[in-house]
C-alpha cells in the first residue's frame, strides 16, 4: 500500500477516492503555472464585467 493511501484504508466510503498523480501535484505547487492561471482567470473576469457595463 502506498503512503498516500494509508489515510483512505480506514473507511469503505473512501476506497474510490482518486489520489492526484505526480503531474497534477507538480502543477498545483508550481508558482509559475499558478501565476499563469491567475492571469487567465482575471482576463476572463474582465471580459465578463466589460460585457455587463
Foldseek 3Di string as FASTA:
>chain_A
DDPVCPVQPPDPVRPPPDDDDPVVVCCVPDPVNVVVVVVVVVVVVVVVVVVVD
